Amino acid sequence: MGRLYLSTARTRRSRALAALGGAIQPRDLKSALRAYTSRASYLRTLTAGAPRVGIDGEPVGAVAPDEEAVAKARLAEIAKRAVPRPSVHAMF
């Protein structure tokens, strides 16, 4: 699972770099994609069978069950690190 996921991620980055025609450095694209794909809002969209959308907005496949499992695990990690917000009622 890990190697396949990395290989797929590298392929996606390579395709994105080609589509952008050198307008962005590889390290900057990697950082931007990492920031975007680590957001909880993105991770919540990774449901097995849901369509994947490419950088051009076109469908490029479907989310695999193992990708959904990784997303759920990352969401659980995010939830563990989240700082509880005080409720409005606790302030008064």
Protein backbone atom coordinates (compact mmCIF):
# COMPACT_ATOMS: atom_id res chain seq x y z
CA MET A 1 0.00 0.00 0.00
CA GLY A 2 2.69 2.53 0.97
CA ARG A 3 4.83 2.12 -2.16
CA LEU A 4 1.84 2.17 -4.50
CA TYR A 5 0.53 5.33 -2.83
CA LEU A 6 3.92 7.07 -3.12
CA SER A 7 4.29 6.01 -6.72
CA THR A 8 0.82 7.33 -7.51
CA ALA A 9 1.57 10.60 -5.70
CA ARG A 10 4.80 11.04 -7.67
CA THR A 11 2.98 10.35 -10.92
CA ARG A 12 0.35 12.96 -10.06
CA ARG A 13 3.03 15.51 -9.20
CA SER A 14 4.85 14.79 -12.47
CA ARG A 15 1.66 15.26 -14.46
CA ALA A 16 0.85 18.46 -12.60
CA LEU A 17 4.34 19.84 -13.25
CA ALA A 18 3.99 19.04 -16.95
CA ALA A 19 0.56 20.70 -17.07
CA LEU A 20 1.93 23.82 -15.40
CA GLY A 21 4.73 24.07 -17.95
CA GLY A 22 7.50 25.08 -15.55
CA ALA A 23 5.50 27.86 -13.91
CA ILE A 24 6.29 26.41 -10.47
CA GLN A 25 9.30 24.68 -8.94
CA PRO A 26 8.83 20.97 -8.07
CA ARG A 27 9.47 21.60 -4.35
CA ASP A 28 6.87 24.38 -4.30
CA LEU A 29 4.28 22.17 -5.98
CA LYS A 30 5.05 19.36 -3.53
CA SER A 31 4.59 21.76 -0.60
CA ALA A 32 1.34 23.14 -2.00
CA LEU A 33 -0.10 19.68 -2.67
CA ARG A 34 0.95 18.47 0.79
CA ALA A 35 -0.73 21.48 2.42
CA TYR A 36 -3.91 20.98 0.41
CA THR A 37 -4.16 17.20 0.82
CA SER A 38 -3.48 17.31 4.55
CA ARG A 39 -6.48 19.56 5.24
CA ALA A 40 -9.36 17.91 7.07
CA SER A 41 -11.81 19.25 4.49
CA TYR A 42 -9.94 17.39 1.72
CA LEU A 43 -9.51 14.20 3.76
CA ARG A 44 -13.25 14.06 4.47
CA THR A 45 -13.93 13.89 0.71
CA LEU A 46 -11.88 10.70 0.31
CA THR A 47 -14.63 8.10 0.30
CA ALA A 48 -14.02 4.82 -1.50
CA GLY A 49 -15.54 4.96 -4.97
CA ALA A 50 -15.79 8.76 -5.03
CA PRO A 51 -14.35 10.32 -8.19
CA ARG A 52 -10.82 11.73 -8.08
CA VAL A 53 -10.42 15.04 -9.85
CA GLY A 54 -7.19 16.07 -11.57
CA ILE A 55 -5.53 19.46 -11.51
CA ASP A 56 -7.47 20.29 -14.70
CA GLY A 57 -10.79 19.57 -12.99
CA GLU A 58 -11.43 16.39 -14.98
CA PRO A 59 -12.13 12.99 -13.37
CA VAL A 60 -9.00 10.82 -13.18
CA GLY A 61 -10.26 7.72 -11.43
CA ALA A 62 -11.85 6.79 -8.15
CA VAL A 63 -10.75 6.82 -4.52
CA ALA A 64 -9.57 3.36 -3.49
CA PRO A 65 -10.67 1.75 -0.20
CA ASP A 66 -7.10 1.86 1.16
CA GLU A 67 -6.91 5.60 0.41
CA GLU A 68 -10.13 6.11 2.36
CA ALA A 69 -8.62 4.17 5.28
CA VAL A 70 -5.50 6.37 5.25
CA ALA A 71 -7.67 9.50 5.15
CA LYS A 72 -9.71 8.31 8.15
CA ALA A 73 -6.52 7.58 10.09
CA ARG A 74 -5.17 11.05 9.33
CA LEU A 75 -8.47 12.62 10.39
CA ALA A 76 -8.23 10.72 13.68
CA GLU A 77 -4.69 12.12 14.19
CA ILE A 78 -5.93 15.63 13.46
CA ALA A 79 -8.75 15.20 15.97
CA LYS A 80 -6.30 14.03 18.65
CA ARG A 81 -4.12 17.11 18.17
CA ALA A 82 -7.02 19.55 18.04
CA VAL A 83 -7.21 21.99 20.90
CA PRO A 84 -10.69 21.98 22.39
CA ARG A 85 -12.48 25.29 21.92
CA PRO A 86 -14.37 26.70 24.85
CA SER A 87 -18.09 26.69 24.34
CA VAL A 88 -19.98 29.95 24.30
CA HIS A 89 -21.87 28.85 27.41
CA ALA A 90 -18.65 28.29 29.34
CA MET A 91 -17.67 31.92 28.80
CA PHE A 92 -20.63 33.29 30.75
